[in-house]
Amino acid sequence: MGKNHAQRGVEKQMYKQRGGQISALESPVFFRGVKLNPENAWVKLVEIIPWEAFEGKYAEAFKGSTTGNPAKPARMAIGTLIAKERYGFSDDESLKRSG
């Protein structure tokens, strides 16, 4: 069998921290040009979540880890958890719906 990344001296990056996310309301490119309603409850929620603070904490959880698949983006993971709790989805249902 071939050597894994750690055996070859290459550290596998389990999470690539993202930053500088723009607001969902700032770009007409999102959602195929359909303007989001700023009064929508989900849009309001997205605007008040401190994404950068969560991003840093989320990224910390993967430091030093070299096995498994790379992590999904923090916004995707946190958004999926919020929807799971809000709608009472099971873990499996949440994974299916998150894409």
C-alpha atoms as a PDB file:
ATOM      1  CA  MET A   1       0.000   0.000   0.000  1.00  0.00           C
ATOM      2  CA  GLY A   2       1.067   3.590  -0.602  1.00  0.00           C
ATOM      3  CA  LYS A   3       2.153   5.906   2.154  1.00  0.00           C
ATOM      4  CA  ASN A   4      -0.388   8.311   3.564  1.00  0.00           C
ATOM      5  CA  HIS A   5       0.207  12.082   3.692  1.00  0.00           C
ATOM      6  CA  ALA A   6       1.667  12.003   7.215  1.00  0.00           C
ATOM      7  CA  GLN A   7       4.108   9.202   6.333  1.00  0.00           C
ATOM      8  CA  ARG A   8       5.330  11.185   3.306  1.00  0.00           C
ATOM      9  CA  GLY A   9       5.970  14.248   5.456  1.00  0.00           C
ATOM     10  CA  VAL A  10       3.065  16.170   3.925  1.00  0.00           C
ATOM     11  CA  GLU A  11       0.589  17.488   6.440  1.00  0.00           C
ATOM     12  CA  LYS A  12      -2.959  17.015   5.213  1.00  0.00           C
ATOM     13  CA  GLN A  13      -5.019  20.124   5.832  1.00  0.00           C
ATOM     14  CA  MET A  14      -8.292  18.986   7.364  1.00  0.00           C
ATOM     15  CA  TYR A  15      -9.904  22.414   7.265  1.00  0.00           C
ATOM     16  CA  LYS A  16      -9.238  25.465   5.159  1.00  0.00           C
ATOM     17  CA  GLN A  17     -10.386  28.515   7.049  1.00  0.00           C
ATOM     18  CA  ARG A  18     -12.477  30.844   4.958  1.00  0.00           C
ATOM     19  CA  GLY A  19     -12.905  34.503   5.609  1.00  0.00           C
ATOM     20  CA  GLY A  20     -14.240  37.664   4.147  1.00  0.00           C
ATOM     21  CA  GLN A  21     -17.676  36.234   3.437  1.00  0.00           C
ATOM     22  CA  ILE A  22     -19.990  38.821   2.000  1.00  0.00           C
ATOM     23  CA  SER A  23     -23.579  39.189   3.058  1.00  0.00           C
ATOM     24  CA  ALA A  24     -26.156  37.164   1.158  1.00  0.00           C
ATOM     25  CA  LEU A  25     -27.889  40.479   0.486  1.00  0.00           C
ATOM     26  CA  GLU A  26     -24.802  42.159  -0.999  1.00  0.00           C
ATOM     27  CA  SER A  27     -24.503  40.247  -4.257  1.00  0.00           C
ATOM     28  CA  PRO A  28     -27.131  39.873  -6.992  1.00  0.00           C
ATOM     29  CA  VAL A  29     -25.210  36.813  -8.224  1.00  0.00           C
ATOM     30  CA  PHE A  30     -26.449  34.694  -5.344  1.00  0.00           C
ATOM     31  CA  PHE A  31     -29.557  32.627  -5.973  1.00  0.00           C
ATOM     32  CA  ARG A  32     -29.391  33.159  -9.728  1.00  0.00           C
ATOM     33  CA  GLY A  33     -30.079  36.861  -9.487  1.00  0.00           C
ATOM     34  CA  VAL A  34     -33.205  36.531  -7.362  1.00  0.00           C
ATOM     35  CA  LYS A  35     -33.151  39.241  -4.717  1.00  0.00           C
ATOM     36  CA  LEU A  36     -33.583  37.896  -1.216  1.00  0.00           C
ATOM     37  CA  ASN A  37     -36.270  39.440   0.946  1.00  0.00           C
ATOM     38  CA  PRO A  38     -34.466  41.180   3.843  1.00  0.00           C
ATOM     39  CA  GLU A  39     -37.547  40.542   6.019  1.00  0.00           C
ATOM     40  CA  ASN A  40     -37.279  36.754   5.611  1.00  0.00           C
ATOM     41  CA  ALA A  41     -36.568  35.059   8.976  1.00  0.00           C
ATOM     42  CA  TRP A  42     -33.662  33.018   7.541  1.00  0.00           C
ATOM     43  CA  VAL A  43     -32.091  36.083   5.922  1.00  0.00           C
ATOM     44  CA  LYS A  44     -32.370  37.975   9.215  1.00  0.00           C
ATOM     45  CA  LEU A  45     -30.788  35.055  11.082  1.00  0.00           C
ATOM     46  CA  VAL A  46     -27.868  34.828   8.637  1.00  0.00           C
ATOM     47  CA  GLU A  47     -27.209  38.538   9.097  1.00  0.00           C
ATOM     48  CA  ILE A  48     -26.972  38.382  12.918  1.00  0.00           C
ATOM     49  CA  ILE A  49     -24.826  35.250  13.304  1.00  0.00           C
ATOM     50  CA  PRO A  50     -21.185  36.118  14.114  1.00  0.00           C
ATOM     51  CA  TRP A  51     -19.814  33.881  11.332  1.00  0.00           C
ATOM     52  CA  GLU A  52     -16.176  34.929  11.680  1.00  0.00           C
ATOM     53  CA  ALA A  53     -16.156  34.106  15.407  1.00  0.00           C
ATOM     54  CA  PHE A  54     -17.663  30.681  14.706  1.00  0.00           C
ATOM     55  CA  GLU A  55     -15.252  30.143  11.824  1.00  0.00           C
ATOM     56  CA  GLY A  56     -12.250  30.583  14.120  1.00  0.00           C
ATOM     57  CA  LYS A  57     -13.583  28.208  16.788  1.00  0.00           C
ATOM     58  CA  TYR A  58     -14.595  25.650  14.157  1.00  0.00           C
ATOM     59  CA  ALA A  59     -11.169  25.756  12.501  1.00  0.00           C
ATOM     60  CA  GLU A  60      -9.465  25.248  15.884  1.00  0.00           C
ATOM     61  CA  ALA A  61     -11.275  21.919  16.263  1.00  0.00           C
ATOM     62  CA  PHE A  62      -9.384  20.529  13.255  1.00  0.00           C
ATOM     63  CA  LYS A  63      -5.852  21.670  14.136  1.00  0.00           C
ATOM     64  CA  GLY A  64      -3.473  18.751  14.368  1.00  0.00           C
ATOM     65  CA  SER A  65      -5.920  16.338  12.748  1.00  0.00           C
ATOM     66  CA  THR A  66      -4.546  14.473   9.728  1.00  0.00           C
ATOM     67  CA  THR A  67      -7.010  11.641   9.169  1.00  0.00           C
ATOM     68  CA  GLY A  68     -10.403  11.458   7.564  1.00  0.00           C
ATOM     69  CA  ASN A  69     -12.011  13.640   4.955  1.00  0.00           C
ATOM     70  CA  PRO A  70     -11.480  17.401   5.035  1.00  0.00           C
ATOM     71  CA  ALA A  71     -14.195  19.231   6.948  1.00  0.00           C
ATOM     72  CA  LYS A  72     -17.112  20.991   5.324  1.00  0.00           C
ATOM     73  CA  PRO A  73     -17.203  24.808   5.498  1.00  0.00           C
ATOM     74  CA  ALA A  74     -18.184  26.223   8.894  1.00  0.00           C
ATOM     75  CA  ARG A  75     -21.208  28.049   7.491  1.00  0.00           C
ATOM     76  CA  MET A  76     -22.504  24.829   5.973  1.00  0.00           C
ATOM     77  CA  ALA A  77     -21.982  22.831   9.179  1.00  0.00           C
ATOM     78  CA  ILE A  78     -23.481  25.492  11.450  1.00  0.00           C
ATOM     79  CA  GLY A  79     -26.374  26.227   9.069  1.00  0.00           C
ATOM     80  CA  THR A  80     -27.181  22.523   8.864  1.00  0.00           C
ATOM     81  CA  LEU A  81     -27.187  22.258  12.659  1.00  0.00           C
ATOM     82  CA  ILE A  82     -29.499  25.284  12.955  1.00  0.00           C
ATOM     83  CA  ALA A  83     -31.946  23.801  10.412  1.00  0.00           C
ATOM     84  CA  LYS A  84     -31.731  20.379  12.112  1.00  0.00           C
ATOM     85  CA  GLU A  85     -32.703  21.856  15.461  1.00  0.00           C
ATOM     86  CA  ARG A  86     -35.309  24.237  14.069  1.00  0.00           C
ATOM     87  CA  TYR A  87     -37.157  21.534  12.133  1.00  0.00           C
ATOM     88  CA  GLY A  88     -36.414  18.557  14.385  1.00  0.00           C
ATOM     89  CA  PHE A  89     -34.579  16.591  11.671  1.00  0.00           C
ATOM     90  CA  SER A  90     -32.643  13.464  12.564  1.00  0.00           C
ATOM     91  CA  ASP A  91     -28.899  13.438  11.903  1.00  0.00           C
ATOM     92  CA  ASP A  92     -29.442  11.339   8.766  1.00  0.00           C
ATOM     93  CA  GLU A  93     -32.209  13.615   7.485  1.00  0.00           C
ATOM     94  CA  SER A  94     -30.006  16.660   8.057  1.00  0.00           C
ATOM     95  CA  LEU A  95     -27.151  15.146   6.074  1.00  0.00           C
ATOM     96  CA  LYS A  96     -29.456  14.249   3.190  1.00  0.00           C
ATOM     97  CA  ARG A  97     -30.895  17.764   3.054  1.00  0.00           C
ATOM     98  CA  SER A  98     -27.559  19.582   3.354  1.00  0.00           C
ATOM     99  CA  GLY A  99     -26.269  18.200   0.090  1.00  0.00           C
END
